[in-house]
Amino acid sequence: MSFSVFIVTFFTWLVLTWTIDPQEIIVGLIVSAVISVIFKRYYNIKLSAKFIPGLFKFVFVYIPVFIWEMLKANLDVASRVVEPKVKVKPGFVRIKTDLKGDVAKLTLANSITLTPGTITVDIKDDELYIHWIEVKGTDEESKKSFYGVFERILKGVYE
């Protein structure tokens, strides 16, 4: 059994169940142990001194920012749907990210995809290819306006 996989799985269980009921905690311990035994060869999670602060920054900084950005994007897409005159300028945009790790890039790509009006189509090296419902410009400044806040926080979480 991999201890780091067990810890991450159990912490995820606690967050998802959001209860301190002893039965739930015991079931969570058992499920986490079974998962860590079965899937330990697929996980490459190593607990380090940077892991815990990064995890807290992810949960308490990144998640609220992501939810806020997703809410704004939902309202933007909803307003486009109800307006009689469709205002879209769709297109593909290539963005270059400064994130180094694969997990950090994957988190950025998934965050972009989960934000309505955008979808990450491909990742190659340090570039992401994104379909965007409203391309405001192809210069770096206009591209950073829509993904820069995610990237800035993720740098502090993963690097």
C-alpha atoms as a PDB file:
ATOM      1  CA  MET A   1       0.000   0.000   0.000  1.00  0.00           C
ATOM      2  CA  SER A   2       1.285   3.422  -0.908  1.00  0.00           C
ATOM      3  CA  PHE A   3       0.900   5.771   2.042  1.00  0.00           C
ATOM      4  CA  SER A   4       0.749   8.939  -0.089  1.00  0.00           C
ATOM      5  CA  VAL A   5      -2.013   7.446  -2.276  1.00  0.00           C
ATOM      6  CA  PHE A   6      -3.884   6.433   0.873  1.00  0.00           C
ATOM      7  CA  ILE A   7      -3.635   9.956   2.347  1.00  0.00           C
ATOM      8  CA  VAL A   8      -4.758  11.687  -0.856  1.00  0.00           C
ATOM      9  CA  THR A   9      -7.634   9.248  -1.353  1.00  0.00           C
ATOM     10  CA  PHE A  10      -8.792   9.522   2.252  1.00  0.00           C
ATOM     11  CA  PHE A  11      -8.595  13.333   2.179  1.00  0.00           C
ATOM     12  CA  THR A  12     -10.670  13.281  -1.021  1.00  0.00           C
ATOM     13  CA  TRP A  13     -13.184  10.994   0.703  1.00  0.00           C
ATOM     14  CA  LEU A  14     -13.466  13.402   3.627  1.00  0.00           C
ATOM     15  CA  VAL A  15     -13.973  16.389   1.341  1.00  0.00           C
ATOM     16  CA  LEU A  16     -16.604  14.624  -0.760  1.00  0.00           C
ATOM     17  CA  THR A  17     -18.597  13.207   2.165  1.00  0.00           C
ATOM     18  CA  TRP A  18     -18.116  16.303   4.348  1.00  0.00           C
ATOM     19  CA  THR A  19     -19.073  14.492   7.543  1.00  0.00           C
ATOM     20  CA  ILE A  20     -17.432  13.414  10.789  1.00  0.00           C
ATOM     21  CA  ASP A  21     -19.740  10.444  11.329  1.00  0.00           C
ATOM     22  CA  PRO A  22     -17.562   7.564  12.611  1.00  0.00           C
ATOM     23  CA  GLN A  23     -19.171   5.064  10.220  1.00  0.00           C
ATOM     24  CA  GLU A  24     -18.366   7.292   7.229  1.00  0.00           C
ATOM     25  CA  ILE A  25     -14.787   7.743   8.418  1.00  0.00           C
ATOM     26  CA  ILE A  26     -14.316   3.973   8.879  1.00  0.00           C
ATOM     27  CA  VAL A  27     -15.750   3.269   5.424  1.00  0.00           C
ATOM     28  CA  GLY A  28     -13.493   6.003   4.024  1.00  0.00           C
ATOM     29  CA  LEU A  29     -10.435   4.415   5.645  1.00  0.00           C
ATOM     30  CA  ILE A  30     -11.320   1.004   4.224  1.00  0.00           C
ATOM     31  CA  VAL A  31     -12.105   2.310   0.737  1.00  0.00           C
ATOM     32  CA  SER A  32      -8.940   4.428   0.713  1.00  0.00           C
ATOM     33  CA  ALA A  33      -6.826   1.439   1.764  1.00  0.00           C
ATOM     34  CA  VAL A  34      -8.328  -0.783  -0.941  1.00  0.00           C
ATOM     35  CA  ILE A  35      -7.891   1.882  -3.617  1.00  0.00           C
ATOM     36  CA  SER A  36      -4.301   2.564  -2.591  1.00  0.00           C
ATOM     37  CA  VAL A  37      -3.468  -1.151  -2.804  1.00  0.00           C
ATOM     38  CA  ILE A  38      -5.145  -1.656  -6.177  1.00  0.00           C
ATOM     39  CA  PHE A  39      -3.999   1.537  -7.891  1.00  0.00           C
ATOM     40  CA  LYS A  40      -0.645   2.284  -6.275  1.00  0.00           C
ATOM     41  CA  ARG A  41       1.315   1.431  -9.415  1.00  0.00           C
ATOM     42  CA  TYR A  42      -0.644   4.034 -11.411  1.00  0.00           C
ATOM     43  CA  TYR A  43      -0.095   6.892  -8.989  1.00  0.00           C
ATOM     44  CA  ASN A  44       3.037   8.981  -8.890  1.00  0.00           C
ATOM     45  CA  ILE A  45       2.147  11.122  -5.894  1.00  0.00           C
ATOM     46  CA  LYS A  46       4.941  11.968  -3.522  1.00  0.00           C
ATOM     47  CA  LEU A  47       4.260  13.877  -0.342  1.00  0.00           C
ATOM     48  CA  SER A  48       6.799  16.602   0.207  1.00  0.00           C
ATOM     49  CA  ALA A  49       7.101  19.766   2.241  1.00  0.00           C
ATOM     50  CA  LYS A  50       5.513  21.684  -0.670  1.00  0.00           C
ATOM     51  CA  PHE A  51       2.552  19.299  -1.038  1.00  0.00           C
ATOM     52  CA  ILE A  52       0.479  20.394   1.976  1.00  0.00           C
ATOM     53  CA  PRO A  53       0.779  24.189   1.392  1.00  0.00           C
ATOM     54  CA  GLY A  54       0.064  23.618  -2.301  1.00  0.00           C
ATOM     55  CA  LEU A  55      -2.994  21.550  -1.434  1.00  0.00           C
ATOM     56  CA  PHE A  56      -4.342  24.260   0.871  1.00  0.00           C
ATOM     57  CA  LYS A  57      -3.671  26.931  -1.748  1.00  0.00           C
ATOM     58  CA  PHE A  58      -5.495  24.807  -4.322  1.00  0.00           C
ATOM     59  CA  VAL A  59      -8.534  24.260  -2.078  1.00  0.00           C
ATOM     60  CA  PHE A  60      -8.803  27.711  -0.511  1.00  0.00           C
ATOM     61  CA  VAL A  61      -7.506  29.969  -3.296  1.00  0.00           C
ATOM     62  CA  TYR A  62      -7.793  28.200  -6.639  1.00  0.00           C
ATOM     63  CA  ILE A  63     -11.206  26.544  -6.193  1.00  0.00           C
ATOM     64  CA  PRO A  64     -12.992  29.806  -5.167  1.00  0.00           C
ATOM     65  CA  VAL A  65     -11.359  31.710  -8.060  1.00  0.00           C
ATOM     66  CA  PHE A  66     -12.284  28.923 -10.466  1.00  0.00           C
ATOM     67  CA  ILE A  67     -15.909  28.903  -9.251  1.00  0.00           C
ATOM     68  CA  TRP A  68     -16.098  32.695  -9.628  1.00  0.00           C
ATOM     69  CA  GLU A  69     -14.674  32.584 -13.167  1.00  0.00           C
ATOM     70  CA  MET A  70     -17.004  29.723 -14.069  1.00  0.00           C
ATOM     71  CA  LEU A  71     -20.001  31.669 -12.741  1.00  0.00           C
ATOM     72  CA  LYS A  72     -19.035  34.723 -14.801  1.00  0.00           C
ATOM     73  CA  ALA A  73     -18.597  32.575 -17.910  1.00  0.00           C
ATOM     74  CA  ASN A  74     -21.972  30.895 -17.327  1.00  0.00           C
ATOM     75  CA  LEU A  75     -23.678  34.273 -17.148  1.00  0.00           C
ATOM     76  CA  ASP A  76     -21.853  35.420 -20.274  1.00  0.00           C
ATOM     77  CA  VAL A  77     -22.895  32.355 -22.279  1.00  0.00           C
ATOM     78  CA  ALA A  78     -26.466  32.540 -20.923  1.00  0.00           C
ATOM     79  CA  SER A  79     -26.741  36.198 -21.971  1.00  0.00           C
ATOM     80  CA  ARG A  80     -25.585  35.241 -25.478  1.00  0.00           C
ATOM     81  CA  VAL A  81     -28.275  32.555 -25.641  1.00  0.00           C
ATOM     82  CA  VAL A  82     -31.192  34.788 -24.623  1.00  0.00           C
ATOM     83  CA  GLU A  83     -30.204  37.762 -26.776  1.00  0.00           C
ATOM     84  CA  PRO A  84     -32.002  37.785 -30.122  1.00  0.00           C
ATOM     85  CA  LYS A  85     -28.862  38.909 -31.944  1.00  0.00           C
ATOM     86  CA  VAL A  86     -26.108  36.347 -31.567  1.00  0.00           C
ATOM     87  CA  LYS A  87     -22.814  37.920 -30.560  1.00  0.00           C
ATOM     88  CA  VAL A  88     -20.120  35.337 -31.050  1.00  0.00           C
ATOM     89  CA  LYS A  89     -16.708  35.484 -32.630  1.00  0.00           C
ATOM     90  CA  PRO A  90     -15.531  31.877 -32.282  1.00  0.00           C
ATOM     91  CA  GLY A  91     -12.063  30.714 -33.089  1.00  0.00           C
ATOM     92  CA  PHE A  92      -9.094  28.630 -32.112  1.00  0.00           C
ATOM     93  CA  VAL A  93      -6.402  30.193 -29.990  1.00  0.00           C
ATOM     94  CA  ARG A  94      -2.944  28.863 -29.176  1.00  0.00           C
ATOM     95  CA  ILE A  95      -1.676  29.876 -25.769  1.00  0.00           C
ATOM     96  CA  LYS A  96       1.772  29.325 -24.345  1.00  0.00           C
ATOM     97  CA  THR A  97       1.868  28.386 -20.698  1.00  0.00           C
ATOM     98  CA  ASP A  98       4.716  28.812 -18.261  1.00  0.00           C
ATOM     99  CA  LEU A  99       3.566  25.817 -16.216  1.00  0.00           C
ATOM    100  CA  LYS A 100       6.150  23.024 -16.192  1.00  0.00           C
ATOM    101  CA  GLY A 101       4.498  19.903 -14.796  1.00  0.00           C
ATOM    102  CA  ASP A 102       2.038  17.710 -16.649  1.00  0.00           C
ATOM    103  CA  VAL A 103      -0.453  17.805 -13.775  1.00  0.00           C
ATOM    104  CA  ALA A 104      -0.321  21.608 -13.683  1.00  0.00           C
ATOM    105  CA  LYS A 105      -0.941  21.793 -17.447  1.00  0.00           C
ATOM    106  CA  LEU A 106      -3.740  19.260 -17.154  1.00  0.00           C
ATOM    107  CA  THR A 107      -5.369  21.267 -14.354  1.00  0.00           C
ATOM    108  CA  LEU A 108      -5.153  24.431 -16.462  1.00  0.00           C
ATOM    109  CA  ALA A 109      -6.579  22.648 -19.514  1.00  0.00           C
ATOM    110  CA  ASN A 110      -9.439  21.154 -17.501  1.00  0.00           C
ATOM    111  CA  SER A 111     -10.201  24.490 -15.851  1.00  0.00           C
ATOM    112  CA  ILE A 112     -10.402  26.147 -19.256  1.00  0.00           C
ATOM    113  CA  THR A 113     -12.625  23.353 -20.582  1.00  0.00           C
ATOM    114  CA  LEU A 114     -14.945  23.487 -17.563  1.00  0.00           C
ATOM    115  CA  THR A 115     -15.408  27.220 -18.056  1.00  0.00           C
ATOM    116  CA  PRO A 116     -18.372  27.671 -20.430  1.00  0.00           C
ATOM    117  CA  GLY A 117     -17.507  29.115 -23.810  1.00  0.00           C
ATOM    118  CA  THR A 118     -14.091  27.473 -24.013  1.00  0.00           C
ATOM    119  CA  ILE A 119     -12.724  24.000 -24.622  1.00  0.00           C
ATOM    120  CA  THR A 120      -9.150  22.793 -24.655  1.00  0.00           C
ATOM    121  CA  VAL A 121      -8.647  20.789 -27.818  1.00  0.00           C
ATOM    122  CA  ASP A 122      -4.991  19.770 -27.512  1.00  0.00           C
ATOM    123  CA  ILE A 123      -1.862  20.170 -25.413  1.00  0.00           C
ATOM    124  CA  LYS A 124       1.569  20.011 -27.028  1.00  0.00           C
ATOM    125  CA  ASP A 125       4.633  20.683 -24.900  1.00  0.00           C
ATOM    126  CA  ASP A 126       3.983  24.119 -23.379  1.00  0.00           C
ATOM    127  CA  GLU A 127       1.153  25.148 -25.722  1.00  0.00           C
ATOM    128  CA  LEU A 128      -2.570  24.655 -25.335  1.00  0.00           C
ATOM    129  CA  TYR A 129      -4.972  24.842 -28.270  1.00  0.00           C
ATOM    130  CA  ILE A 130      -8.330  26.212 -27.212  1.00  0.00           C
ATOM    131  CA  HIS A 131     -11.620  26.834 -28.966  1.00  0.00           C
ATOM    132  CA  TRP A 132     -13.022  30.073 -27.597  1.00  0.00           C
ATOM    133  CA  ILE A 133     -16.563  31.369 -28.161  1.00  0.00           C
ATOM    134  CA  GLU A 134     -15.451  35.006 -28.176  1.00  0.00           C
ATOM    135  CA  VAL A 135     -11.926  35.584 -29.424  1.00  0.00           C
ATOM    136  CA  LYS A 136     -11.144  39.081 -28.211  1.00  0.00           C
ATOM    137  CA  GLY A 137      -7.721  39.177 -29.804  1.00  0.00           C
ATOM    138  CA  THR A 138      -4.760  37.043 -30.696  1.00  0.00           C
ATOM    139  CA  ASP A 139      -2.151  39.085 -28.848  1.00  0.00           C
ATOM    140  CA  GLU A 140      -0.746  37.687 -25.603  1.00  0.00           C
ATOM    141  CA  GLU A 141      -2.454  40.307 -23.428  1.00  0.00           C
ATOM    142  CA  SER A 142      -5.994  39.439 -24.556  1.00  0.00           C
ATOM    143  CA  LYS A 143      -5.270  35.703 -24.276  1.00  0.00           C
ATOM    144  CA  LYS A 144      -3.840  36.131 -20.754  1.00  0.00           C
ATOM    145  CA  SER A 145      -7.019  37.958 -19.738  1.00  0.00           C
ATOM    146  CA  PHE A 146      -8.975  34.736 -19.866  1.00  0.00           C
ATOM    147  CA  TYR A 147      -6.516  32.126 -18.571  1.00  0.00           C
ATOM    148  CA  GLY A 148      -3.892  34.186 -16.731  1.00  0.00           C
ATOM    149  CA  VAL A 149      -5.605  34.122 -13.351  1.00  0.00           C
ATOM    150  CA  PHE A 150      -5.708  30.304 -13.434  1.00  0.00           C
ATOM    151  CA  GLU A 151      -2.077  30.026 -14.492  1.00  0.00           C
ATOM    152  CA  ARG A 152      -0.845  32.482 -11.861  1.00  0.00           C
ATOM    153  CA  ILE A 153      -2.438  30.543  -9.001  1.00  0.00           C
ATOM    154  CA  LEU A 154      -1.466  27.131 -10.398  1.00  0.00           C
ATOM    155  CA  LYS A 155       2.193  28.212 -10.470  1.00  0.00           C
ATOM    156  CA  GLY A 156       2.015  28.680  -6.717  1.00  0.00           C
ATOM    157  CA  VAL A 157       0.250  25.342  -6.245  1.00  0.00           C
ATOM    158  CA  TYR A 158       2.374  23.056  -8.413  1.00  0.00           C
ATOM    159  CA  GLU A 159       5.769  24.739  -8.677  1.00  0.00           C
END
